[in-house]
Amino acid sequence: MRQVVAVAGCPNSGKTSLFNQLTGAKQKVGNWPGQTVEQYSGEFSVADEVFEIVDLPGTYGLVAVSTEEGIASDFLVDERPAVVVTVVDASNLTGSLHLVAQIAEAGLRQVVALNMVDVADRRGIDIDESQLSDRLGIEVVRTVARRGSGTAELKAAVARVAAQPHQQLVIDYGPIVERHIG
């Protein structure tokens, strides 16, 4: 049985470009929100294991406020893929970390694709992916999707994470919020 991998991320983070690099597909890439409004799937292999990969529409979080976000969040919550590749824009990292946290709190295994590192580098933004990985407890792989940079490392990371037992992320929101959650 093939394991399913979902590609999720905020709009314009490079999800479809990364999907195309991972699968060899040629899905149309648009530079506007809402471009991917259907689910596209393909596959890739690591060693002898074949993974089915699904390209989801852009979403800022798991609480849907649009049709596109509804497609993505429903797939993640209902289908529970083996691994989620969460694509984040390295030049706007803080805008993507909310989604990373929500996916982790939903109990989904994930690998963060730190995409567009070339743009971040040009803007003087230096991200230590090792430290980010340690702090999140999630594998982080540097990618430049439009050039295919980092895709081999990303495939290997997906295979490693899919083979590991899952560990739930627990975020401590502080005593006041935790008291109200409780």
N, C-alpha and C. Protein backbone atom coordinates (compact mmCIF):
# COMPACT_ATOMS: atom_id res chain seq x y z
N MET A 1 0.84 -1.18 0.00
CA MET A 1 0.00 0.00 0.00
C MET A 1 0.88 1.25 0.00
N ARG A 2 0.59 2.16 -0.88
CA ARG A 2 1.36 3.40 -0.96
C ARG A 2 0.98 4.34 0.17
N GLN A 3 1.99 5.01 0.68
CA GLN A 3 1.72 6.03 1.68
C GLN A 3 1.43 7.35 0.98
N VAL A 4 0.48 8.08 1.51
CA VAL A 4 0.08 9.34 0.92
C VAL A 4 0.83 10.48 1.60
N VAL A 5 1.35 11.38 0.78
CA VAL A 5 2.04 12.57 1.24
C VAL A 5 1.28 13.78 0.70
N ALA A 6 0.92 14.71 1.56
CA ALA A 6 0.24 15.92 1.13
C ALA A 6 1.23 17.08 1.09
N VAL A 7 1.11 17.92 0.08
CA VAL A 7 1.90 19.15 -0.01
C VAL A 7 0.96 20.29 0.36
N ALA A 8 1.25 20.93 1.48
CA ALA A 8 0.40 22.01 1.99
C ALA A 8 1.26 23.25 2.21
N GLY A 9 0.60 24.38 2.28
CA GLY A 9 1.31 25.63 2.55
C GLY A 9 0.44 26.82 2.22
N CYS A 10 0.93 27.97 2.58
CA CYS A 10 0.22 29.21 2.27
C CYS A 10 0.23 29.44 0.76
N PRO A 11 -0.74 30.21 0.26
CA PRO A 11 -0.73 30.55 -1.17
C PRO A 11 0.60 31.21 -1.56
N ASN A 12 1.06 30.91 -2.75
CA ASN A 12 2.27 31.49 -3.32
C ASN A 12 3.55 31.13 -2.56
N SER A 13 3.55 29.99 -1.89
CA SER A 13 4.76 29.54 -1.19
C SER A 13 5.60 28.61 -2.05
N GLY A 14 5.08 28.21 -3.22
CA GLY A 14 5.82 27.34 -4.12
C GLY A 14 5.39 25.89 -4.05
N LYS A 15 4.19 25.62 -3.51
CA LYS A 15 3.71 24.25 -3.36
C LYS A 15 3.67 23.51 -4.69
N THR A 16 3.04 24.10 -5.69
CA THR A 16 2.88 23.40 -6.97
C THR A 16 4.21 23.26 -7.68
N SER A 17 5.08 24.23 -7.59
CA SER A 17 6.41 24.10 -8.18
C SER A 17 7.17 22.94 -7.53
N LEU A 18 7.05 22.82 -6.22
CA LEU A 18 7.71 21.72 -5.52
C LEU A 18 7.08 20.39 -5.89
N PHE A 19 5.75 20.35 -5.96
CA PHE A 19 5.03 19.15 -6.40
C PHE A 19 5.54 18.71 -7.77
N ASN A 20 5.65 19.66 -8.70
CA ASN A 20 6.14 19.34 -10.05
C ASN A 20 7.55 18.76 -10.01
N GLN A 21 8.41 19.32 -9.18
CA GLN A 21 9.79 18.82 -9.07
C GLN A 21 9.83 17.41 -8.47
N LEU A 22 8.98 17.17 -7.49
CA LEU A 22 8.97 15.87 -6.83
C LEU A 22 8.40 14.77 -7.72
N THR A 23 7.42 15.12 -8.55
CA THR A 23 6.70 14.10 -9.33
C THR A 23 7.05 14.09 -10.80
N GLY A 24 7.69 15.14 -11.29
CA GLY A 24 7.94 15.25 -12.72
C GLY A 24 6.72 15.73 -13.48
N ALA A 25 5.70 16.18 -12.77
CA ALA A 25 4.47 16.68 -13.40
C ALA A 25 4.70 18.08 -13.95
N LYS A 26 3.75 18.56 -14.69
CA LYS A 26 3.84 19.90 -15.27
C LYS A 26 2.55 20.68 -14.98
N GLN A 27 2.15 20.67 -13.71
CA GLN A 27 0.95 21.42 -13.36
C GLN A 27 1.20 22.90 -13.56
N LYS A 28 0.15 23.61 -13.94
CA LYS A 28 0.24 25.05 -14.16
C LYS A 28 0.51 25.75 -12.82
N VAL A 29 1.43 26.68 -12.85
CA VAL A 29 1.77 27.44 -11.65
C VAL A 29 1.33 28.87 -11.87
N GLY A 30 0.55 29.40 -10.96
CA GLY A 30 0.09 30.78 -11.06
C GLY A 30 0.68 31.61 -9.95
N ASN A 31 0.73 32.90 -10.15
CA ASN A 31 1.30 33.78 -9.15
C ASN A 31 0.19 34.60 -8.50
N TRP A 32 -0.90 33.92 -8.16
CA TRP A 32 -1.99 34.58 -7.49
C TRP A 32 -2.67 33.58 -6.58
N PRO A 33 -3.27 34.05 -5.49
CA PRO A 33 -3.95 33.13 -4.58
C PRO A 33 -5.08 32.39 -5.28
N GLY A 34 -5.31 31.15 -4.87
CA GLY A 34 -6.42 30.38 -5.40
C GLY A 34 -6.11 29.67 -6.70
N GLN A 35 -4.84 29.63 -7.13
CA GLN A 35 -4.50 28.98 -8.40
C GLN A 35 -4.81 27.49 -8.35
N THR A 36 -4.38 26.81 -7.30
CA THR A 36 -4.66 25.38 -7.17
C THR A 36 -5.97 25.24 -6.43
N VAL A 37 -7.05 24.94 -7.14
CA VAL A 37 -8.35 24.78 -6.50
C VAL A 37 -8.83 23.34 -6.60
N GLU A 38 -8.05 22.49 -7.21
CA GLU A 38 -8.34 21.07 -7.26
C GLU A 38 -7.16 20.34 -6.65
N GLN A 39 -7.39 19.06 -6.37
CA GLN A 39 -6.30 18.26 -5.85
C GLN A 39 -5.62 17.58 -7.03
N TYR A 40 -4.31 17.71 -7.13
CA TYR A 40 -3.51 17.02 -8.13
C TYR A 40 -2.68 15.98 -7.40
N SER A 41 -2.50 14.82 -8.02
CA SER A 41 -1.68 13.80 -7.39
C SER A 41 -0.68 13.24 -8.37
N GLY A 42 0.38 12.71 -7.83
CA GLY A 42 1.44 12.08 -8.60
C GLY A 42 2.16 11.13 -7.67
N GLU A 43 3.36 10.74 -8.02
CA GLU A 43 4.11 9.84 -7.15
C GLU A 43 5.60 10.08 -7.27
N PHE A 44 6.31 9.63 -6.26
CA PHE A 44 7.77 9.59 -6.30
C PHE A 44 8.22 8.39 -5.49
N SER A 45 9.45 7.98 -5.74
CA SER A 45 10.00 6.80 -5.06
C SER A 45 11.24 7.17 -4.27
N VAL A 46 11.42 6.49 -3.17
CA VAL A 46 12.64 6.55 -2.39
C VAL A 46 13.02 5.10 -2.12
N ALA A 47 14.18 4.70 -2.62
CA ALA A 47 14.60 3.30 -2.57
C ALA A 47 13.50 2.47 -3.23
N ASP A 48 12.92 1.53 -2.53
CA ASP A 48 11.87 0.68 -3.11
C ASP A 48 10.47 1.13 -2.73
N GLU A 49 10.36 2.23 -2.01
CA GLU A 49 9.05 2.68 -1.55
C GLU A 49 8.49 3.77 -2.46
N VAL A 50 7.23 3.58 -2.85
CA VAL A 50 6.54 4.55 -3.71
C VAL A 50 5.58 5.34 -2.84
N PHE A 51 5.61 6.65 -2.97
CA PHE A 51 4.73 7.54 -2.24
C PHE A 51 3.78 8.22 -3.22
N GLU A 52 2.50 8.26 -2.87
CA GLU A 52 1.54 9.06 -3.63
C GLU A 52 1.57 10.44 -3.02
N ILE A 53 1.68 11.45 -3.86
CA ILE A 53 1.78 12.83 -3.36
C ILE A 53 0.62 13.64 -3.90
N VAL A 54 -0.01 14.42 -3.02
CA VAL A 54 -1.18 15.21 -3.36
C VAL A 54 -0.85 16.68 -3.14
N ASP A 55 -1.07 17.49 -4.18
CA ASP A 55 -0.84 18.93 -4.13
C ASP A 55 -2.15 19.59 -3.71
N LEU A 56 -2.16 20.22 -2.54
CA LEU A 56 -3.37 20.84 -2.02
C LEU A 56 -3.39 22.34 -2.32
N PRO A 57 -4.59 22.93 -2.37
CA PRO A 57 -4.67 24.38 -2.52
C PRO A 57 -4.03 25.09 -1.33
N GLY A 58 -3.65 26.32 -1.53
CA GLY A 58 -3.03 27.10 -0.47
C GLY A 58 -3.98 27.35 0.68
N THR A 59 -3.42 27.31 1.89
CA THR A 59 -4.21 27.58 3.08
C THR A 59 -3.32 28.26 4.12
N TYR A 60 -3.91 29.16 4.87
CA TYR A 60 -3.18 29.84 5.94
C TYR A 60 -3.32 29.09 7.27
N GLY A 61 -4.31 28.19 7.34
CA GLY A 61 -4.54 27.45 8.56
C GLY A 61 -5.55 26.34 8.33
N LEU A 62 -5.81 25.58 9.36
CA LEU A 62 -6.75 24.46 9.24
C LEU A 62 -8.19 24.86 9.47
N VAL A 63 -8.43 26.11 9.85
CA VAL A 63 -9.79 26.62 9.93
C VAL A 63 -10.06 27.34 8.61
N ALA A 64 -10.90 26.73 7.79
CA ALA A 64 -11.12 27.23 6.43
C ALA A 64 -11.98 28.48 6.40
N VAL A 65 -11.54 29.46 5.60
CA VAL A 65 -12.33 30.67 5.38
C VAL A 65 -12.65 30.84 3.90
N SER A 66 -12.22 29.89 3.07
CA SER A 66 -12.53 29.92 1.64
C SER A 66 -12.70 28.49 1.15
N THR A 67 -13.23 28.35 -0.05
CA THR A 67 -13.39 27.02 -0.65
C THR A 67 -12.05 26.32 -0.77
N GLU A 68 -11.03 27.04 -1.22
CA GLU A 68 -9.71 26.46 -1.39
C GLU A 68 -9.16 25.95 -0.07
N GLU A 69 -9.29 26.76 0.97
CA GLU A 69 -8.80 26.34 2.28
C GLU A 69 -9.60 25.16 2.81
N GLY A 70 -10.88 25.11 2.49
CA GLY A 70 -11.72 23.99 2.90
C GLY A 70 -11.25 22.68 2.28
N ILE A 71 -10.87 22.72 1.00
CA ILE A 71 -10.36 21.52 0.33
C ILE A 71 -9.10 21.03 1.04
N ALA A 72 -8.19 21.95 1.32
CA ALA A 72 -6.93 21.58 1.96
C ALA A 72 -7.15 21.06 3.38
N SER A 73 -7.89 21.80 4.20
CA SER A 73 -8.06 21.38 5.59
C SER A 73 -8.87 20.09 5.69
N ASP A 74 -9.90 19.92 4.85
CA ASP A 74 -10.67 18.68 4.88
C ASP A 74 -9.79 17.48 4.53
N PHE A 75 -8.94 17.63 3.53
CA PHE A 75 -8.06 16.53 3.15
C PHE A 75 -7.12 16.17 4.30
N LEU A 76 -6.50 17.17 4.90
CA LEU A 76 -5.55 16.92 5.98
C LEU A 76 -6.21 16.27 7.18
N VAL A 77 -7.38 16.76 7.56
CA VAL A 77 -8.05 16.26 8.76
C VAL A 77 -8.74 14.91 8.49
N ASP A 78 -9.39 14.78 7.34
CA ASP A 78 -10.16 13.56 7.06
C ASP A 78 -9.30 12.42 6.53
N GLU A 79 -8.36 12.72 5.66
CA GLU A 79 -7.56 11.67 5.02
C GLU A 79 -6.33 11.28 5.84
N ARG A 80 -5.87 12.17 6.71
CA ARG A 80 -4.73 11.91 7.58
C ARG A 80 -3.56 11.30 6.81
N PRO A 81 -2.93 12.08 5.91
CA PRO A 81 -1.81 11.54 5.14
C PRO A 81 -0.67 11.09 6.05
N ALA A 82 0.16 10.19 5.53
CA ALA A 82 1.29 9.67 6.30
C ALA A 82 2.24 10.78 6.68
N VAL A 83 2.46 11.71 5.76
CA VAL A 83 3.36 12.85 5.99
C VAL A 83 2.78 14.07 5.27
N VAL A 84 2.92 15.22 5.88
CA VAL A 84 2.58 16.49 5.23
C VAL A 84 3.89 17.22 4.96
N VAL A 85 4.12 17.58 3.71
CA VAL A 85 5.23 18.48 3.38
C VAL A 85 4.65 19.88 3.46
N THR A 86 5.01 20.59 4.50
CA THR A 86 4.51 21.95 4.69
C THR A 86 5.52 22.90 4.07
N VAL A 87 5.10 23.54 2.98
CA VAL A 87 5.98 24.44 2.23
C VAL A 87 5.85 25.83 2.83
N VAL A 88 6.98 26.37 3.29
CA VAL A 88 6.98 27.71 3.86
C VAL A 88 7.90 28.61 3.05
N ASP A 89 7.51 29.85 2.92
CA ASP A 89 8.29 30.85 2.20
C ASP A 89 9.38 31.37 3.15
N ALA A 90 10.62 31.04 2.85
CA ALA A 90 11.73 31.43 3.72
C ALA A 90 11.88 32.94 3.84
N SER A 91 11.37 33.67 2.84
CA SER A 91 11.48 35.13 2.91
C SER A 91 10.35 35.74 3.74
N ASN A 92 9.39 34.93 4.17
CA ASN A 92 8.28 35.37 5.01
C ASN A 92 7.93 34.24 5.98
N LEU A 93 8.91 33.80 6.73
CA LEU A 93 8.77 32.62 7.58
C LEU A 93 7.68 32.77 8.62
N THR A 94 7.59 33.91 9.27
CA THR A 94 6.61 34.06 10.35
C THR A 94 5.19 33.90 9.84
N GLY A 95 4.94 34.23 8.58
CA GLY A 95 3.60 34.07 8.02
C GLY A 95 3.19 32.62 7.83
N SER A 96 4.15 31.69 7.86
CA SER A 96 3.86 30.28 7.63
C SER A 96 3.91 29.42 8.89
N LEU A 97 4.51 29.90 9.94
CA LEU A 97 4.69 29.07 11.13
C LEU A 97 3.38 28.72 11.81
N HIS A 98 2.36 29.54 11.65
CA HIS A 98 1.04 29.25 12.21
C HIS A 98 0.51 27.95 11.63
N LEU A 99 0.63 27.77 10.31
CA LEU A 99 0.17 26.54 9.66
C LEU A 99 1.00 25.35 10.12
N VAL A 100 2.31 25.51 10.22
CA VAL A 100 3.18 24.43 10.70
C VAL A 100 2.72 23.97 12.07
N ALA A 101 2.44 24.91 12.97
CA ALA A 101 2.01 24.56 14.33
C ALA A 101 0.65 23.87 14.31
N GLN A 102 -0.27 24.34 13.50
CA GLN A 102 -1.60 23.72 13.45
C GLN A 102 -1.54 22.29 12.92
N ILE A 103 -0.72 22.07 11.90
CA ILE A 103 -0.58 20.72 11.36
C ILE A 103 0.02 19.79 12.40
N ALA A 104 1.01 20.28 13.12
CA ALA A 104 1.63 19.47 14.17
C ALA A 104 0.65 19.19 15.30
N GLU A 105 -0.09 20.21 15.71
CA GLU A 105 -1.07 20.01 16.79
C GLU A 105 -2.21 19.09 16.37
N ALA A 106 -2.48 19.01 15.07
CA ALA A 106 -3.52 18.10 14.57
C ALA A 106 -3.06 16.65 14.60
N GLY A 107 -1.81 16.44 14.99
CA GLY A 107 -1.31 15.08 15.11
C GLY A 107 -0.79 14.51 13.80
N LEU A 108 -0.45 15.37 12.86
CA LEU A 108 0.07 14.91 11.56
C LEU A 108 1.59 15.02 11.54
N ARG A 109 2.23 13.99 11.03
CA ARG A 109 3.68 14.05 10.83
C ARG A 109 3.96 14.99 9.67
N GLN A 110 5.04 15.74 9.79
CA GLN A 110 5.35 16.66 8.70
C GLN A 110 6.84 16.89 8.54
N VAL A 111 7.17 17.33 7.34
CA VAL A 111 8.50 17.82 7.00
C VAL A 111 8.28 19.24 6.50
N VAL A 112 9.07 20.17 6.97
CA VAL A 112 8.97 21.55 6.51
C VAL A 112 9.92 21.75 5.34
N ALA A 113 9.38 22.17 4.21
CA ALA A 113 10.19 22.56 3.06
C ALA A 113 10.40 24.06 3.16
N LEU A 114 11.59 24.45 3.56
CA LEU A 114 11.95 25.86 3.69
C LEU A 114 12.27 26.35 2.28
N ASN A 115 11.24 26.80 1.59
CA ASN A 115 11.33 27.12 0.17
C ASN A 115 11.70 28.58 -0.07
N MET A 116 12.16 28.84 -1.24
CA MET A 116 12.55 30.18 -1.68
C MET A 116 13.70 30.74 -0.83
N VAL A 117 14.61 29.85 -0.45
CA VAL A 117 15.77 30.30 0.32
C VAL A 117 16.65 31.24 -0.50
N ASP A 118 16.57 31.13 -1.82
CA ASP A 118 17.33 32.05 -2.67
C ASP A 118 16.82 33.48 -2.52
N VAL A 119 15.51 33.64 -2.43
CA VAL A 119 14.91 34.96 -2.23
C VAL A 119 15.28 35.49 -0.85
N ALA A 120 15.20 34.63 0.16
CA ALA A 120 15.58 35.04 1.52
C ALA A 120 17.03 35.47 1.56
N ASP A 121 17.91 34.70 0.91
CA ASP A 121 19.33 35.06 0.88
C ASP A 121 19.55 36.43 0.26
N ARG A 122 18.87 36.69 -0.87
CA ARG A 122 19.01 38.00 -1.53
C ARG A 122 18.53 39.14 -0.65
N ARG A 123 17.58 38.87 0.22
CA ARG A 123 17.05 39.89 1.12
C ARG A 123 17.83 39.97 2.43
N GLY A 124 18.88 39.16 2.55
CA GLY A 124 19.70 39.19 3.75
C GLY A 124 19.08 38.46 4.93
N ILE A 125 18.12 37.59 4.66
CA ILE A 125 17.47 36.83 5.73
C ILE A 125 18.21 35.50 5.88
N ASP A 126 18.78 35.29 7.04
CA ASP A 126 19.55 34.08 7.29
C ASP A 126 18.77 33.20 8.26
N ILE A 127 18.41 32.00 7.81
CA ILE A 127 17.65 31.07 8.63
C ILE A 127 18.51 29.83 8.88
N ASP A 128 18.71 29.52 10.13
CA ASP A 128 19.45 28.33 10.52
C ASP A 128 18.44 27.18 10.57
N GLU A 129 18.36 26.39 9.49
CA GLU A 129 17.35 25.34 9.42
C GLU A 129 17.56 24.26 10.48
N SER A 130 18.80 24.06 10.91
CA SER A 130 19.07 23.08 11.95
C SER A 130 18.46 23.53 13.28
N GLN A 131 18.64 24.79 13.62
CA GLN A 131 18.06 25.31 14.85
C GLN A 131 16.53 25.35 14.75
N LEU A 132 16.00 25.72 13.59
CA LEU A 132 14.56 25.74 13.39
C LEU A 132 14.00 24.33 13.56
N SER A 133 14.67 23.34 13.00
CA SER A 133 14.26 21.95 13.13
C SER A 133 14.26 21.51 14.59
N ASP A 134 15.32 21.86 15.31
CA ASP A 134 15.42 21.49 16.73
C ASP A 134 14.29 22.12 17.54
N ARG A 135 14.01 23.38 17.28
CA ARG A 135 12.98 24.08 18.05
C ARG A 135 11.58 23.57 17.75
N LEU A 136 11.34 23.22 16.47
CA LEU A 136 10.02 22.71 16.08
C LEU A 136 9.86 21.22 16.36
N GLY A 137 10.98 20.51 16.41
CA GLY A 137 10.90 19.06 16.52
C GLY A 137 10.43 18.43 15.22
N ILE A 138 10.71 19.10 14.11
CA ILE A 138 10.27 18.69 12.78
C ILE A 138 11.46 18.81 11.84
N GLU A 139 11.62 17.85 10.92
CA GLU A 139 12.70 17.97 9.93
C GLU A 139 12.43 19.17 9.03
N VAL A 140 13.48 19.94 8.76
CA VAL A 140 13.40 21.11 7.89
C VAL A 140 14.42 20.93 6.77
N VAL A 141 13.97 21.11 5.53
CA VAL A 141 14.83 20.95 4.36
C VAL A 141 14.78 22.22 3.54
N ARG A 142 15.96 22.76 3.21
CA ARG A 142 16.05 23.96 2.36
C ARG A 142 15.75 23.58 0.91
N THR A 143 14.87 24.34 0.26
CA THR A 143 14.53 24.07 -1.13
C THR A 143 14.43 25.37 -1.94
N VAL A 144 14.66 25.23 -3.23
CA VAL A 144 14.32 26.26 -4.21
C VAL A 144 13.53 25.50 -5.28
N ALA A 145 12.22 25.49 -5.13
CA ALA A 145 11.37 24.62 -5.94
C ALA A 145 11.49 24.90 -7.43
N ARG A 146 11.60 26.15 -7.83
CA ARG A 146 11.62 26.41 -9.28
C ARG A 146 12.88 25.90 -9.95
N ARG A 147 13.92 25.61 -9.15
CA ARG A 147 15.15 25.05 -9.71
C ARG A 147 15.35 23.57 -9.35
N GLY A 148 14.49 23.05 -8.48
CA GLY A 148 14.63 21.66 -8.06
C GLY A 148 15.65 21.45 -6.96
N SER A 149 16.17 22.51 -6.42
CA SER A 149 17.17 22.41 -5.37
C SER A 149 16.55 21.88 -4.08
N GLY A 150 17.16 20.84 -3.52
CA GLY A 150 16.70 20.27 -2.26
C GLY A 150 15.66 19.18 -2.39
N THR A 151 15.22 18.85 -3.60
CA THR A 151 14.16 17.85 -3.74
C THR A 151 14.62 16.46 -3.35
N ALA A 152 15.85 16.08 -3.66
CA ALA A 152 16.34 14.75 -3.26
C ALA A 152 16.37 14.65 -1.74
N GLU A 153 16.84 15.70 -1.08
CA GLU A 153 16.89 15.72 0.38
C GLU A 153 15.48 15.68 0.97
N LEU A 154 14.54 16.36 0.31
CA LEU A 154 13.16 16.38 0.78
C LEU A 154 12.53 14.99 0.67
N LYS A 155 12.75 14.31 -0.45
CA LYS A 155 12.23 12.95 -0.60
C LYS A 155 12.77 12.03 0.49
N ALA A 156 14.07 12.12 0.75
CA ALA A 156 14.68 11.29 1.79
C ALA A 156 14.09 11.61 3.17
N ALA A 157 13.86 12.89 3.44
CA ALA A 157 13.27 13.28 4.72
C ALA A 157 11.85 12.74 4.86
N VAL A 158 11.07 12.79 3.79
CA VAL A 158 9.71 12.25 3.81
C VAL A 158 9.75 10.76 4.15
N ALA A 159 10.65 10.02 3.51
CA ALA A 159 10.76 8.58 3.76
C ALA A 159 11.14 8.31 5.22
N ARG A 160 12.07 9.11 5.76
CA ARG A 160 12.48 8.92 7.16
C ARG A 160 11.31 9.19 8.10
N VAL A 161 10.62 10.30 7.89
CA VAL A 161 9.53 10.68 8.78
C VAL A 161 8.38 9.68 8.67
N ALA A 162 8.10 9.18 7.48
CA ALA A 162 7.02 8.19 7.30
C ALA A 162 7.32 6.90 8.06
N ALA A 163 8.58 6.59 8.24
CA ALA A 163 8.99 5.35 8.91
C ALA A 163 9.08 5.50 10.43
N GLN A 164 9.02 6.72 10.93
CA GLN A 164 9.17 6.96 12.36
C GLN A 164 7.82 6.89 13.07
N PRO A 165 7.85 6.50 14.35
CA PRO A 165 6.61 6.60 15.12
C PRO A 165 6.28 8.07 15.31
N HIS A 166 5.00 8.36 15.35
CA HIS A 166 4.57 9.75 15.46
C HIS A 166 4.71 10.25 16.90
N GLN A 167 5.13 11.52 17.02
CA GLN A 167 5.17 12.18 18.31
C GLN A 167 4.32 13.44 18.22
N GLN A 168 3.33 13.54 19.07
CA GLN A 168 2.41 14.67 19.07
C GLN A 168 3.11 15.93 19.60
N LEU A 169 2.94 17.04 18.90
CA LEU A 169 3.46 18.32 19.37
C LEU A 169 2.49 18.90 20.39
N VAL A 170 3.00 19.29 21.52
CA VAL A 170 2.18 19.94 22.53
C VAL A 170 2.76 21.33 22.75
N ILE A 171 1.94 22.34 22.53
CA ILE A 171 2.37 23.72 22.70
C ILE A 171 1.78 24.26 24.00
N ASP A 172 2.63 24.84 24.81
CA ASP A 172 2.19 25.46 26.06
C ASP A 172 1.89 26.93 25.75
N TYR A 173 0.63 27.30 25.83
CA TYR A 173 0.22 28.66 25.51
C TYR A 173 0.24 29.60 26.71
N GLY A 174 0.78 29.14 27.81
CA GLY A 174 0.87 29.99 29.00
C GLY A 174 -0.30 29.70 29.94
N PRO A 175 -0.13 30.10 31.20
CA PRO A 175 -1.11 29.70 32.23
C PRO A 175 -2.53 30.20 31.99
N ILE A 176 -2.70 31.39 31.50
CA ILE A 176 -4.04 31.93 31.31
C ILE A 176 -4.78 31.19 30.20
N VAL A 177 -4.15 31.06 29.05
CA VAL A 177 -4.78 30.38 27.93
C VAL A 177 -4.98 28.90 28.25
N GLU A 178 -3.97 28.26 28.85
CA GLU A 178 -4.09 26.85 29.19
C GLU A 178 -5.23 26.60 30.17
N ARG A 179 -5.45 27.52 31.12
CA ARG A 179 -6.55 27.39 32.08
C ARG A 179 -7.90 27.42 31.33
N HIS A 180 -8.02 28.31 30.36
CA HIS A 180 -9.29 28.40 29.60
C HIS A 180 -9.46 27.21 28.65
N ILE A 181 -8.38 26.72 28.09
CA ILE A 181 -8.46 25.53 27.26
C ILE A 181 -8.91 24.34 28.10
N GLY A 182 -8.33 24.23 29.31
CA GLY A 182 -8.67 23.12 30.21
C GLY A 182 -10.11 23.19 30.63
